[in-house]
Amino acid sequence: MLLLAFDTATPAVTVALHDGHRVLAESTEIDARRHGELLMPAVDRVLREAGTEPAALTGLVVGVGPGPYTGLRVGLVTAASFGDVLGVPVHGLCTLDGLAYAAGIDGPFVVATDARRKEVYWARYEGPRGRVGDPAVDHPADIAERVAGLPAVGAGAALYPGVFTDVRPPADQSAAALAALAAVKLAEGEDFLPPLPLYLRRPDAQVPAGYKAVLPK
């Protein structure tokens, strides 16, 4: 097994290579506006550090979000391209599940990432692999009673300490954790999500309403 994992659903552009037992190399850069510029150099750097070539990969793992439209699609398009060229499967995982697995908290807790517009993408967990229900997007004040007193991880939780009162690491996504989770799921024969974007709302960018079309005469 040789899995290349990456995720661009959050400000972290994170890449890791996993052999089914351990992480061979990883790279994480935090930049919410440069996913397209940073991802492929990070992939090259990780493969070079591990001393391997793309042809040796047996599968790809990609975070499917939830996340903002522009950043999220960078990772998904790259994963689809790699999978097609190399002829290997592409396994989708919820981005929040990667953060939950990295946190390693036993018992109930919450993962929350920044959804902008003063909202968070979030989900509740009953352990590192025990997500309860589907991810959601909400204003923190609207879920305050539902998350009261629970440990919380993720950069979204850190933004709203009045709601998430017990914030713990990690703050940012890690492809190493995503790859390790995928390796466990593969070993146990579990299913993955399709490598398609998990959008919970419309893109931030919108076509202006009422614009005047100009046609050549």
N, C-alpha and C. Protein backbone atom coordinates (compact mmCIF):
# COMPACT_ATOMS: atom_id res chain seq x y z
N MET A 1 0.84 -1.20 0.00
CA MET A 1 0.00 0.00 0.00
C MET A 1 0.88 1.25 0.00
N LEU A 2 0.56 2.18 -0.86
CA LEU A 2 1.26 3.45 -0.90
C LEU A 2 0.23 4.52 -1.26
N LEU A 3 -0.22 5.25 -0.26
CA LEU A 3 -1.31 6.20 -0.42
C LEU A 3 -0.78 7.63 -0.42
N LEU A 4 -1.18 8.40 -1.42
CA LEU A 4 -0.91 9.83 -1.43
C LEU A 4 -2.19 10.53 -1.02
N ALA A 5 -2.12 11.30 0.07
CA ALA A 5 -3.30 11.98 0.59
C ALA A 5 -3.10 13.48 0.54
N PHE A 6 -4.17 14.21 0.22
CA PHE A 6 -4.11 15.66 0.33
C PHE A 6 -5.50 16.22 0.55
N ASP A 7 -5.52 17.46 1.06
CA ASP A 7 -6.77 18.13 1.38
C ASP A 7 -6.58 19.63 1.19
N THR A 8 -7.52 20.26 0.48
CA THR A 8 -7.49 21.71 0.29
C THR A 8 -8.82 22.35 0.67
N ALA A 9 -9.57 21.70 1.54
CA ALA A 9 -10.88 22.20 1.93
C ALA A 9 -10.81 23.29 2.99
N THR A 10 -9.64 23.48 3.60
CA THR A 10 -9.43 24.50 4.63
C THR A 10 -8.24 25.35 4.19
N PRO A 11 -7.85 26.37 4.96
CA PRO A 11 -6.65 27.13 4.59
C PRO A 11 -5.37 26.30 4.54
N ALA A 12 -5.37 25.11 5.11
CA ALA A 12 -4.19 24.24 5.07
C ALA A 12 -4.10 23.50 3.74
N VAL A 13 -2.98 23.69 3.05
CA VAL A 13 -2.67 22.89 1.86
C VAL A 13 -1.77 21.77 2.36
N THR A 14 -2.32 20.60 2.54
CA THR A 14 -1.62 19.54 3.25
C THR A 14 -1.54 18.27 2.42
N VAL A 15 -0.36 17.66 2.40
CA VAL A 15 -0.07 16.48 1.58
C VAL A 15 0.73 15.49 2.42
N ALA A 16 0.46 14.20 2.26
CA ALA A 16 1.22 13.18 2.97
C ALA A 16 1.27 11.89 2.17
N LEU A 17 2.32 11.12 2.40
CA LEU A 17 2.48 9.80 1.78
C LEU A 17 2.51 8.76 2.89
N HIS A 18 1.70 7.72 2.75
CA HIS A 18 1.53 6.71 3.80
C HIS A 18 1.68 5.32 3.20
N ASP A 19 2.41 4.44 3.87
CA ASP A 19 2.64 3.10 3.32
C ASP A 19 1.74 2.04 3.93
N GLY A 20 0.70 2.47 4.66
CA GLY A 20 -0.18 1.52 5.32
C GLY A 20 0.19 1.27 6.77
N HIS A 21 1.41 1.68 7.15
CA HIS A 21 1.87 1.51 8.53
C HIS A 21 2.30 2.84 9.14
N ARG A 22 2.86 3.70 8.34
CA ARG A 22 3.37 4.97 8.87
C ARG A 22 3.42 6.02 7.77
N VAL A 23 3.56 7.25 8.18
CA VAL A 23 3.71 8.37 7.25
C VAL A 23 5.16 8.44 6.81
N LEU A 24 5.38 8.43 5.51
CA LEU A 24 6.73 8.47 4.97
C LEU A 24 7.22 9.90 4.77
N ALA A 25 6.32 10.81 4.46
CA ALA A 25 6.67 12.22 4.26
C ALA A 25 5.39 13.03 4.29
N GLU A 26 5.50 14.29 4.70
CA GLU A 26 4.31 15.14 4.74
C GLU A 26 4.71 16.61 4.59
N SER A 27 3.74 17.41 4.18
CA SER A 27 3.95 18.84 4.02
C SER A 27 2.63 19.56 4.29
N THR A 28 2.67 20.63 5.07
CA THR A 28 1.48 21.43 5.32
C THR A 28 1.85 22.90 5.29
N GLU A 29 1.14 23.68 4.50
CA GLU A 29 1.30 25.13 4.44
C GLU A 29 -0.07 25.76 4.63
N ILE A 30 -0.13 26.81 5.42
CA ILE A 30 -1.39 27.49 5.71
C ILE A 30 -1.47 28.75 4.86
N ASP A 31 -2.35 28.73 3.88
CA ASP A 31 -2.56 29.90 3.02
C ASP A 31 -3.90 29.75 2.33
N ALA A 32 -4.87 30.52 2.75
CA ALA A 32 -6.24 30.35 2.27
C ALA A 32 -6.44 30.77 0.83
N ARG A 33 -5.46 31.46 0.23
CA ARG A 33 -5.66 32.01 -1.11
C ARG A 33 -4.75 31.42 -2.18
N ARG A 34 -3.93 30.41 -1.83
CA ARG A 34 -2.94 29.93 -2.80
C ARG A 34 -2.96 28.41 -2.96
N HIS A 35 -4.14 27.80 -2.79
CA HIS A 35 -4.21 26.35 -2.92
C HIS A 35 -3.68 25.87 -4.26
N GLY A 36 -4.09 26.54 -5.33
CA GLY A 36 -3.69 26.12 -6.67
C GLY A 36 -2.19 26.24 -6.91
N GLU A 37 -1.57 27.21 -6.27
CA GLU A 37 -0.13 27.40 -6.43
C GLU A 37 0.69 26.43 -5.58
N LEU A 38 0.17 26.08 -4.44
CA LEU A 38 0.96 25.33 -3.47
C LEU A 38 0.81 23.82 -3.55
N LEU A 39 -0.31 23.32 -4.08
CA LEU A 39 -0.57 21.89 -3.97
C LEU A 39 0.44 21.04 -4.74
N MET A 40 0.61 21.28 -6.03
CA MET A 40 1.50 20.42 -6.81
C MET A 40 2.96 20.49 -6.36
N PRO A 41 3.50 21.68 -6.04
CA PRO A 41 4.85 21.68 -5.47
C PRO A 41 4.96 20.87 -4.18
N ALA A 42 3.90 20.90 -3.38
CA ALA A 42 3.92 20.10 -2.15
C ALA A 42 3.90 18.61 -2.46
N VAL A 43 3.11 18.20 -3.45
CA VAL A 43 3.09 16.79 -3.86
C VAL A 43 4.48 16.37 -4.35
N ASP A 44 5.09 17.18 -5.19
CA ASP A 44 6.44 16.88 -5.69
C ASP A 44 7.43 16.75 -4.53
N ARG A 45 7.32 17.67 -3.58
CA ARG A 45 8.25 17.68 -2.45
C ARG A 45 8.09 16.42 -1.59
N VAL A 46 6.86 16.03 -1.34
CA VAL A 46 6.60 14.84 -0.51
C VAL A 46 7.09 13.57 -1.20
N LEU A 47 6.80 13.43 -2.49
CA LEU A 47 7.27 12.25 -3.22
C LEU A 47 8.79 12.20 -3.27
N ARG A 48 9.41 13.36 -3.49
CA ARG A 48 10.88 13.41 -3.55
C ARG A 48 11.50 13.05 -2.20
N GLU A 49 10.91 13.58 -1.12
CA GLU A 49 11.44 13.28 0.22
C GLU A 49 11.34 11.80 0.54
N ALA A 50 10.27 11.17 0.06
CA ALA A 50 10.08 9.74 0.31
C ALA A 50 10.86 8.87 -0.67
N GLY A 51 11.43 9.49 -1.70
CA GLY A 51 12.21 8.74 -2.68
C GLY A 51 11.38 7.83 -3.54
N THR A 52 10.18 8.29 -3.92
CA THR A 52 9.31 7.46 -4.75
C THR A 52 8.78 8.25 -5.93
N GLU A 53 8.13 7.55 -6.85
CA GLU A 53 7.56 8.15 -8.05
C GLU A 53 6.05 7.96 -8.04
N PRO A 54 5.31 8.80 -8.77
CA PRO A 54 3.86 8.65 -8.84
C PRO A 54 3.41 7.27 -9.28
N ALA A 55 4.18 6.64 -10.16
CA ALA A 55 3.79 5.33 -10.68
C ALA A 55 3.73 4.26 -9.60
N ALA A 56 4.37 4.51 -8.46
CA ALA A 56 4.38 3.53 -7.37
C ALA A 56 3.14 3.62 -6.49
N LEU A 57 2.36 4.66 -6.64
CA LEU A 57 1.18 4.85 -5.79
C LEU A 57 0.14 3.77 -6.05
N THR A 58 -0.51 3.32 -4.98
CA THR A 58 -1.59 2.33 -5.12
C THR A 58 -2.97 2.97 -4.92
N GLY A 59 -3.00 4.20 -4.45
CA GLY A 59 -4.28 4.87 -4.26
C GLY A 59 -4.08 6.31 -3.83
N LEU A 60 -5.13 7.09 -3.96
CA LEU A 60 -5.14 8.48 -3.54
C LEU A 60 -6.25 8.68 -2.52
N VAL A 61 -6.01 9.58 -1.59
CA VAL A 61 -6.99 9.94 -0.56
C VAL A 61 -7.16 11.45 -0.63
N VAL A 62 -8.40 11.91 -0.69
CA VAL A 62 -8.64 13.34 -0.80
C VAL A 62 -9.75 13.77 0.14
N GLY A 63 -9.55 14.91 0.79
CA GLY A 63 -10.60 15.48 1.61
C GLY A 63 -11.68 16.09 0.74
N VAL A 64 -12.92 15.72 0.99
CA VAL A 64 -14.03 16.19 0.14
C VAL A 64 -14.79 17.36 0.77
N GLY A 65 -14.28 17.89 1.87
CA GLY A 65 -14.94 18.99 2.53
C GLY A 65 -15.78 18.50 3.70
N PRO A 66 -16.65 19.37 4.17
CA PRO A 66 -17.09 20.63 3.59
C PRO A 66 -16.01 21.69 3.61
N GLY A 67 -16.13 22.61 2.64
CA GLY A 67 -15.17 23.70 2.54
C GLY A 67 -15.60 24.68 1.48
N PRO A 68 -14.95 25.84 1.44
CA PRO A 68 -15.25 26.83 0.41
C PRO A 68 -15.01 26.28 -0.99
N TYR A 69 -15.80 26.72 -1.92
CA TYR A 69 -15.82 26.16 -3.27
C TYR A 69 -14.46 26.18 -3.96
N THR A 70 -13.82 27.33 -4.00
CA THR A 70 -12.59 27.46 -4.80
C THR A 70 -11.48 26.57 -4.28
N GLY A 71 -11.18 26.64 -2.99
CA GLY A 71 -10.10 25.83 -2.46
C GLY A 71 -10.38 24.35 -2.55
N LEU A 72 -11.59 23.95 -2.22
CA LEU A 72 -11.95 22.54 -2.21
C LEU A 72 -11.78 21.89 -3.56
N ARG A 73 -12.18 22.56 -4.63
CA ARG A 73 -12.14 21.94 -5.95
C ARG A 73 -10.70 21.74 -6.44
N VAL A 74 -9.73 22.50 -5.92
CA VAL A 74 -8.33 22.32 -6.32
C VAL A 74 -7.88 20.90 -5.99
N GLY A 75 -8.12 20.47 -4.76
CA GLY A 75 -7.71 19.13 -4.36
C GLY A 75 -8.46 18.04 -5.08
N LEU A 76 -9.77 18.23 -5.27
CA LEU A 76 -10.58 17.20 -5.91
C LEU A 76 -10.24 17.03 -7.38
N VAL A 77 -10.03 18.13 -8.08
CA VAL A 77 -9.65 18.03 -9.49
C VAL A 77 -8.28 17.38 -9.63
N THR A 78 -7.36 17.75 -8.74
CA THR A 78 -6.02 17.15 -8.78
C THR A 78 -6.08 15.65 -8.51
N ALA A 79 -6.88 15.26 -7.53
CA ALA A 79 -7.02 13.83 -7.22
C ALA A 79 -7.62 13.06 -8.39
N ALA A 80 -8.64 13.63 -9.01
CA ALA A 80 -9.27 12.96 -10.15
C ALA A 80 -8.28 12.80 -11.30
N SER A 81 -7.47 13.83 -11.52
CA SER A 81 -6.48 13.77 -12.60
C SER A 81 -5.43 12.71 -12.34
N PHE A 82 -4.91 12.69 -11.12
CA PHE A 82 -3.92 11.68 -10.75
C PHE A 82 -4.51 10.28 -10.88
N GLY A 83 -5.70 10.09 -10.36
CA GLY A 83 -6.32 8.78 -10.41
C GLY A 83 -6.52 8.30 -11.82
N ASP A 84 -6.93 9.20 -12.71
CA ASP A 84 -7.16 8.83 -14.10
C ASP A 84 -5.87 8.47 -14.81
N VAL A 85 -4.84 9.28 -14.61
CA VAL A 85 -3.56 9.05 -15.28
C VAL A 85 -2.88 7.78 -14.77
N LEU A 86 -2.92 7.57 -13.46
CA LEU A 86 -2.22 6.44 -12.86
C LEU A 86 -3.06 5.17 -12.83
N GLY A 87 -4.36 5.30 -13.04
CA GLY A 87 -5.23 4.13 -12.99
C GLY A 87 -5.37 3.54 -11.61
N VAL A 88 -5.42 4.41 -10.59
CA VAL A 88 -5.55 3.94 -9.20
C VAL A 88 -6.82 4.54 -8.60
N PRO A 89 -7.37 3.91 -7.57
CA PRO A 89 -8.61 4.42 -6.96
C PRO A 89 -8.38 5.73 -6.21
N VAL A 90 -9.43 6.55 -6.18
CA VAL A 90 -9.41 7.80 -5.42
C VAL A 90 -10.45 7.68 -4.31
N HIS A 91 -9.99 7.74 -3.06
CA HIS A 91 -10.85 7.56 -1.90
C HIS A 91 -11.18 8.91 -1.28
N GLY A 92 -12.46 9.22 -1.15
CA GLY A 92 -12.89 10.45 -0.53
C GLY A 92 -13.14 10.28 0.96
N LEU A 93 -12.71 11.29 1.74
CA LEU A 93 -12.98 11.30 3.18
C LEU A 93 -13.46 12.69 3.58
N CYS A 94 -14.38 12.74 4.50
CA CYS A 94 -14.83 14.01 5.04
C CYS A 94 -13.66 14.71 5.73
N THR A 95 -13.46 15.97 5.40
CA THR A 95 -12.37 16.74 5.99
C THR A 95 -12.47 16.77 7.52
N LEU A 96 -13.67 16.92 8.03
CA LEU A 96 -13.85 16.96 9.47
C LEU A 96 -13.44 15.65 10.13
N ASP A 97 -13.60 14.54 9.41
CA ASP A 97 -13.21 13.23 9.96
C ASP A 97 -11.69 13.16 10.16
N GLY A 98 -10.94 13.81 9.26
CA GLY A 98 -9.49 13.83 9.42
C GLY A 98 -9.07 14.58 10.67
N LEU A 99 -9.70 15.71 10.93
CA LEU A 99 -9.41 16.47 12.14
C LEU A 99 -9.80 15.68 13.39
N ALA A 100 -10.94 15.00 13.32
CA ALA A 100 -11.38 14.20 14.47
C ALA A 100 -10.40 13.07 14.76
N TYR A 101 -9.92 12.43 13.71
CA TYR A 101 -8.98 11.32 13.89
C TYR A 101 -7.67 11.82 14.49
N ALA A 102 -7.22 12.99 14.03
CA ALA A 102 -5.98 13.57 14.55
C ALA A 102 -6.13 13.96 16.02
N ALA A 103 -7.34 14.41 16.40
CA ALA A 103 -7.55 14.84 17.79
C ALA A 103 -7.45 13.67 18.76
N GLY A 104 -7.95 12.51 18.36
CA GLY A 104 -7.84 11.32 19.19
C GLY A 104 -8.55 11.42 20.53
N ILE A 105 -9.66 12.15 20.57
CA ILE A 105 -10.38 12.35 21.82
C ILE A 105 -11.39 11.20 22.02
N ASP A 106 -11.34 10.59 23.19
CA ASP A 106 -12.33 9.57 23.53
C ASP A 106 -13.55 10.25 24.14
N GLY A 107 -14.73 9.83 23.70
CA GLY A 107 -15.94 10.46 24.20
C GLY A 107 -16.42 11.55 23.28
N PRO A 108 -17.50 12.22 23.62
CA PRO A 108 -18.10 13.21 22.73
C PRO A 108 -17.25 14.47 22.58
N PHE A 109 -17.19 14.99 21.37
CA PHE A 109 -16.52 16.25 21.08
C PHE A 109 -17.03 16.78 19.75
N VAL A 110 -16.57 17.96 19.38
CA VAL A 110 -17.02 18.64 18.17
C VAL A 110 -15.82 19.05 17.33
N VAL A 111 -15.97 18.96 16.02
CA VAL A 111 -14.99 19.52 15.08
C VAL A 111 -15.66 20.67 14.34
N ALA A 112 -14.95 21.80 14.26
CA ALA A 112 -15.51 22.97 13.57
C ALA A 112 -14.42 23.66 12.75
N THR A 113 -14.70 23.91 11.48
CA THR A 113 -13.79 24.67 10.62
C THR A 113 -14.47 25.96 10.19
N ASP A 114 -13.67 26.91 9.75
CA ASP A 114 -14.20 28.22 9.38
C ASP A 114 -14.93 28.14 8.04
N ALA A 115 -16.20 28.50 8.04
CA ALA A 115 -17.00 28.50 6.82
C ALA A 115 -17.16 29.91 6.25
N ARG A 116 -16.47 30.89 6.87
CA ARG A 116 -16.63 32.30 6.50
C ARG A 116 -18.07 32.73 6.75
N ARG A 117 -18.41 33.97 6.36
CA ARG A 117 -19.76 34.52 6.59
C ARG A 117 -20.19 34.38 8.05
N LYS A 118 -19.22 34.34 8.98
CA LYS A 118 -19.48 34.18 10.41
C LYS A 118 -20.20 32.87 10.72
N GLU A 119 -19.87 31.83 9.94
CA GLU A 119 -20.43 30.50 10.14
C GLU A 119 -19.31 29.48 10.31
N VAL A 120 -19.67 28.28 10.74
CA VAL A 120 -18.71 27.17 10.84
C VAL A 120 -19.29 25.94 10.17
N TYR A 121 -18.41 25.14 9.58
CA TYR A 121 -18.75 23.77 9.20
C TYR A 121 -18.45 22.93 10.44
N TRP A 122 -19.38 22.08 10.83
CA TRP A 122 -19.14 21.35 12.07
C TRP A 122 -19.84 19.99 12.07
N ALA A 123 -19.38 19.16 12.98
CA ALA A 123 -20.01 17.86 13.21
C ALA A 123 -19.66 17.41 14.62
N ARG A 124 -20.52 16.57 15.18
CA ARG A 124 -20.29 16.02 16.51
C ARG A 124 -19.75 14.60 16.37
N TYR A 125 -18.88 14.21 17.30
CA TYR A 125 -18.24 12.89 17.28
C TYR A 125 -18.37 12.22 18.65
N GLU A 126 -18.39 10.89 18.63
CA GLU A 126 -18.36 10.09 19.85
C GLU A 126 -17.07 9.27 19.88
N GLY A 127 -15.98 9.90 19.56
CA GLY A 127 -14.69 9.23 19.46
C GLY A 127 -14.02 9.59 18.16
N PRO A 128 -12.74 9.23 17.97
CA PRO A 128 -11.98 9.63 16.79
C PRO A 128 -12.56 9.19 15.46
N ARG A 129 -13.34 8.10 15.45
CA ARG A 129 -13.94 7.62 14.21
C ARG A 129 -15.46 7.55 14.28
N GLY A 130 -16.03 8.25 15.24
CA GLY A 130 -17.46 8.10 15.48
C GLY A 130 -18.25 9.37 15.21
N ARG A 131 -18.32 9.78 13.95
CA ARG A 131 -19.14 10.96 13.64
C ARG A 131 -20.61 10.65 13.83
N VAL A 132 -21.33 11.59 14.43
CA VAL A 132 -22.75 11.45 14.67
C VAL A 132 -23.51 12.33 13.68
N GLY A 133 -24.11 11.72 12.68
CA GLY A 133 -24.85 12.49 11.69
C GLY A 133 -23.96 13.11 10.63
N ASP A 134 -24.57 13.92 9.79
CA ASP A 134 -23.85 14.56 8.68
C ASP A 134 -23.28 15.90 9.10
N PRO A 135 -22.22 16.36 8.43
CA PRO A 135 -21.70 17.70 8.70
C PRO A 135 -22.76 18.76 8.38
N ALA A 136 -22.65 19.91 9.05
CA ALA A 136 -23.61 20.99 8.86
C ALA A 136 -22.87 22.32 8.81
N VAL A 137 -23.56 23.35 8.36
CA VAL A 137 -23.02 24.71 8.40
C VAL A 137 -24.02 25.58 9.15
N ASP A 138 -23.52 26.30 10.16
CA ASP A 138 -24.40 27.10 11.01
C ASP A 138 -23.64 28.29 11.58
N HIS A 139 -24.41 29.29 12.03
CA HIS A 139 -23.84 30.35 12.87
C HIS A 139 -23.57 29.75 14.24
N PRO A 140 -22.39 30.01 14.81
CA PRO A 140 -22.07 29.41 16.11
C PRO A 140 -23.14 29.65 17.19
N ALA A 141 -23.71 30.84 17.21
CA ALA A 141 -24.71 31.14 18.23
C ALA A 141 -25.92 30.22 18.13
N ASP A 142 -26.20 29.73 16.92
CA ASP A 142 -27.37 28.89 16.71
C ASP A 142 -27.18 27.46 17.22
N ILE A 143 -25.93 27.07 17.45
CA ILE A 143 -25.66 25.71 17.92
C ILE A 143 -25.06 25.71 19.32
N ALA A 144 -25.06 26.86 19.96
CA ALA A 144 -24.38 26.99 21.25
C ALA A 144 -24.88 25.97 22.27
N GLU A 145 -26.17 25.76 22.34
CA GLU A 145 -26.71 24.80 23.31
C GLU A 145 -26.32 23.37 22.98
N ARG A 146 -26.17 23.08 21.68
CA ARG A 146 -25.88 21.71 21.26
C ARG A 146 -24.42 21.33 21.49
N VAL A 147 -23.54 22.34 21.56
CA VAL A 147 -22.11 22.05 21.73
C VAL A 147 -21.60 22.48 23.11
N ALA A 148 -22.48 22.97 23.95
CA ALA A 148 -22.07 23.50 25.25
C ALA A 148 -21.31 22.47 26.08
N GLY A 149 -20.13 22.86 26.54
CA GLY A 149 -19.33 22.02 27.41
C GLY A 149 -18.52 20.94 26.73
N LEU A 150 -18.69 20.78 25.41
CA LEU A 150 -17.96 19.72 24.71
C LEU A 150 -16.58 20.20 24.28
N PRO A 151 -15.56 19.34 24.34
CA PRO A 151 -14.29 19.69 23.73
C PRO A 151 -14.50 19.97 22.24
N ALA A 152 -13.72 20.88 21.69
CA ALA A 152 -13.85 21.23 20.28
C ALA A 152 -12.48 21.39 19.65
N VAL A 153 -12.34 20.92 18.42
CA VAL A 153 -11.09 21.06 17.69
C VAL A 153 -11.38 21.75 16.35
N GLY A 154 -10.33 22.32 15.77
CA GLY A 154 -10.47 22.98 14.48
C GLY A 154 -10.40 24.49 14.61
N ALA A 155 -9.93 25.14 13.54
CA ALA A 155 -9.77 26.59 13.54
C ALA A 155 -11.09 27.31 13.69
N GLY A 156 -12.18 26.72 13.23
CA GLY A 156 -13.49 27.33 13.39
C GLY A 156 -13.88 27.46 14.85
N ALA A 157 -13.56 26.45 15.63
CA ALA A 157 -13.86 26.50 17.06
C ALA A 157 -13.06 27.60 17.75
N ALA A 158 -11.81 27.75 17.36
CA ALA A 158 -10.95 28.76 17.98
C ALA A 158 -11.43 30.18 17.71
N LEU A 159 -12.17 30.37 16.62
CA LEU A 159 -12.66 31.71 16.28
C LEU A 159 -13.80 32.17 17.19
N TYR A 160 -14.46 31.23 17.85
CA TYR A 160 -15.65 31.56 18.64
C TYR A 160 -15.55 30.97 20.04
N PRO A 161 -14.61 31.47 20.85
CA PRO A 161 -14.40 30.90 22.19
C PRO A 161 -15.59 31.07 23.12
N GLY A 162 -16.49 32.02 22.79
CA GLY A 162 -17.67 32.17 23.62
C GLY A 162 -18.66 31.03 23.47
N VAL A 163 -18.58 30.32 22.34
CA VAL A 163 -19.45 29.18 22.08
C VAL A 163 -18.72 27.87 22.34
N PHE A 164 -17.49 27.77 21.77
CA PHE A 164 -16.67 26.57 21.96
C PHE A 164 -15.69 26.87 23.10
N THR A 165 -16.06 26.50 24.29
CA THR A 165 -15.32 26.94 25.48
C THR A 165 -14.16 26.02 25.88
N ASP A 166 -14.03 24.89 25.23
CA ASP A 166 -12.94 23.94 25.54
C ASP A 166 -12.25 23.56 24.24
N VAL A 167 -11.49 24.50 23.67
CA VAL A 167 -10.84 24.29 22.38
C VAL A 167 -9.53 23.54 22.56
N ARG A 168 -9.35 22.48 21.77
CA ARG A 168 -8.15 21.65 21.86
C ARG A 168 -7.53 21.50 20.47
N PRO A 169 -6.25 21.09 20.42
CA PRO A 169 -5.63 20.86 19.11
C PRO A 169 -6.18 19.57 18.49
N PRO A 170 -6.03 19.45 17.15
CA PRO A 170 -5.36 20.38 16.25
C PRO A 170 -6.28 21.48 15.74
N ALA A 171 -5.67 22.58 15.31
CA ALA A 171 -6.44 23.65 14.68
C ALA A 171 -6.61 23.41 13.20
N ASP A 172 -5.55 22.86 12.57
CA ASP A 172 -5.54 22.73 11.11
C ASP A 172 -5.55 21.28 10.65
N GLN A 173 -6.07 21.10 9.45
CA GLN A 173 -6.13 19.77 8.85
C GLN A 173 -4.74 19.21 8.59
N SER A 174 -4.61 17.91 8.69
CA SER A 174 -3.35 17.20 8.44
C SER A 174 -3.60 16.05 7.49
N ALA A 175 -2.93 16.06 6.34
CA ALA A 175 -3.06 14.95 5.40
C ALA A 175 -2.48 13.67 5.99
N ALA A 176 -1.55 13.81 6.93
CA ALA A 176 -0.99 12.62 7.59
C ALA A 176 -2.10 11.88 8.35
N ALA A 177 -2.94 12.64 9.06
CA ALA A 177 -4.05 12.01 9.78
C ALA A 177 -5.07 11.45 8.80
N LEU A 178 -5.33 12.18 7.73
CA LEU A 178 -6.28 11.71 6.72
C LEU A 178 -5.80 10.40 6.10
N ALA A 179 -4.51 10.32 5.79
CA ALA A 179 -3.93 9.10 5.21
C ALA A 179 -3.97 7.94 6.20
N ALA A 180 -3.65 8.22 7.47
CA ALA A 180 -3.67 7.17 8.48
C ALA A 180 -5.08 6.62 8.66
N LEU A 181 -6.07 7.51 8.65
CA LEU A 181 -7.46 7.07 8.75
C LEU A 181 -7.84 6.22 7.55
N ALA A 182 -7.43 6.63 6.36
CA ALA A 182 -7.74 5.86 5.16
C ALA A 182 -7.09 4.49 5.20
N ALA A 183 -5.86 4.41 5.70
CA ALA A 183 -5.18 3.11 5.79
C ALA A 183 -5.94 2.16 6.70
N VAL A 184 -6.46 2.67 7.81
CA VAL A 184 -7.24 1.84 8.73
C VAL A 184 -8.53 1.37 8.06
N LYS A 185 -9.21 2.28 7.38
CA LYS A 185 -10.46 1.93 6.72
C LYS A 185 -10.23 0.90 5.61
N LEU A 186 -9.14 1.04 4.87
CA LEU A 186 -8.84 0.07 3.82
C LEU A 186 -8.54 -1.30 4.43
N ALA A 187 -7.78 -1.32 5.51
CA ALA A 187 -7.44 -2.58 6.15
C ALA A 187 -8.67 -3.30 6.69
N GLU A 188 -9.67 -2.50 7.09
CA GLU A 188 -10.89 -3.09 7.65
C GLU A 188 -12.00 -3.25 6.62
N GLY A 189 -11.70 -2.93 5.36
CA GLY A 189 -12.68 -3.12 4.30
C GLY A 189 -13.85 -2.16 4.34
N GLU A 190 -13.68 -0.99 4.91
CA GLU A 190 -14.77 -0.01 5.02
C GLU A 190 -14.92 0.80 3.73
N ASP A 191 -16.08 1.36 3.57
CA ASP A 191 -16.37 2.17 2.38
C ASP A 191 -15.86 3.60 2.56
N PHE A 192 -15.67 4.25 1.41
CA PHE A 192 -15.26 5.65 1.38
C PHE A 192 -16.34 6.48 0.70
N LEU A 193 -16.22 7.78 0.85
CA LEU A 193 -17.08 8.69 0.11
C LEU A 193 -16.59 8.79 -1.32
N PRO A 194 -17.46 9.08 -2.28
CA PRO A 194 -16.97 9.36 -3.63
C PRO A 194 -16.15 10.65 -3.62
N PRO A 195 -15.16 10.77 -4.49
CA PRO A 195 -14.32 11.97 -4.51
C PRO A 195 -15.03 13.15 -5.17
N LEU A 196 -16.12 13.56 -4.56
CA LEU A 196 -16.95 14.66 -5.04
C LEU A 196 -17.09 15.70 -3.94
N PRO A 197 -17.21 16.96 -4.29
CA PRO A 197 -17.23 18.02 -3.27
C PRO A 197 -18.46 17.96 -2.38
N LEU A 198 -18.22 18.10 -1.09
CA LEU A 198 -19.30 18.15 -0.12
C LEU A 198 -19.60 19.63 0.14
N TYR A 199 -20.47 20.19 -0.68
CA TYR A 199 -20.86 21.59 -0.53
C TYR A 199 -22.12 21.66 0.34
N LEU A 200 -22.10 22.52 1.32
CA LEU A 200 -23.25 22.69 2.19
C LEU A 200 -24.00 23.99 1.93
N ARG A 201 -23.49 24.79 1.00
CA ARG A 201 -24.18 26.01 0.61
C ARG A 201 -23.64 26.46 -0.73
N ARG A 202 -24.23 27.49 -1.31
CA ARG A 202 -23.82 27.98 -2.61
C ARG A 202 -22.45 28.66 -2.50
N PRO A 203 -21.70 28.72 -3.62
CA PRO A 203 -20.38 29.38 -3.60
C PRO A 203 -20.48 30.84 -3.15
N ASP A 204 -19.41 31.34 -2.53
CA ASP A 204 -19.37 32.75 -2.13
C ASP A 204 -19.42 33.67 -3.35
N ALA A 205 -18.77 33.27 -4.43
CA ALA A 205 -18.78 34.08 -5.65
C ALA A 205 -20.09 33.87 -6.39
N GLN A 206 -20.73 34.96 -6.77
CA GLN A 206 -22.01 34.91 -7.46
C GLN A 206 -21.96 35.78 -8.71
N VAL A 207 -22.71 35.38 -9.73
CA VAL A 207 -22.86 36.23 -10.91
C VAL A 207 -23.73 37.42 -10.53
N PRO A 208 -23.29 38.65 -10.78
CA PRO A 208 -24.09 39.83 -10.40
C PRO A 208 -25.48 39.80 -11.04
N ALA A 209 -26.47 40.14 -10.24
CA ALA A 209 -27.84 40.18 -10.76
C ALA A 209 -28.08 41.48 -11.53
N GLY A 210 -28.81 41.38 -12.64
CA GLY A 210 -29.19 42.57 -13.37
C GLY A 210 -28.07 43.22 -14.17
N TYR A 211 -26.99 42.43 -14.46
CA TYR A 211 -25.92 43.05 -15.23
C TYR A 211 -26.36 43.22 -16.69
N LYS A 212 -25.75 44.16 -17.37
CA LYS A 212 -26.10 44.48 -18.74
C LYS A 212 -25.19 43.73 -19.70
N ALA A 213 -25.76 42.85 -20.51
CA ALA A 213 -24.97 42.11 -21.49
C ALA A 213 -24.66 43.03 -22.68
N VAL A 214 -23.41 42.96 -23.14
CA VAL A 214 -22.99 43.75 -24.29
C VAL A 214 -22.65 42.79 -25.43
N LEU A 215 -23.39 42.88 -26.51
CA LEU A 215 -23.16 42.00 -27.65
C LEU A 215 -22.58 42.79 -28.82
N PRO A 216 -21.66 42.19 -29.56
CA PRO A 216 -21.10 42.90 -30.73
C PRO A 216 -22.16 43.11 -31.79
N LYS A 217 -22.07 44.26 -32.46
CA LYS A 217 -23.02 44.56 -33.54
C LYS A 217 -22.53 43.99 -34.86
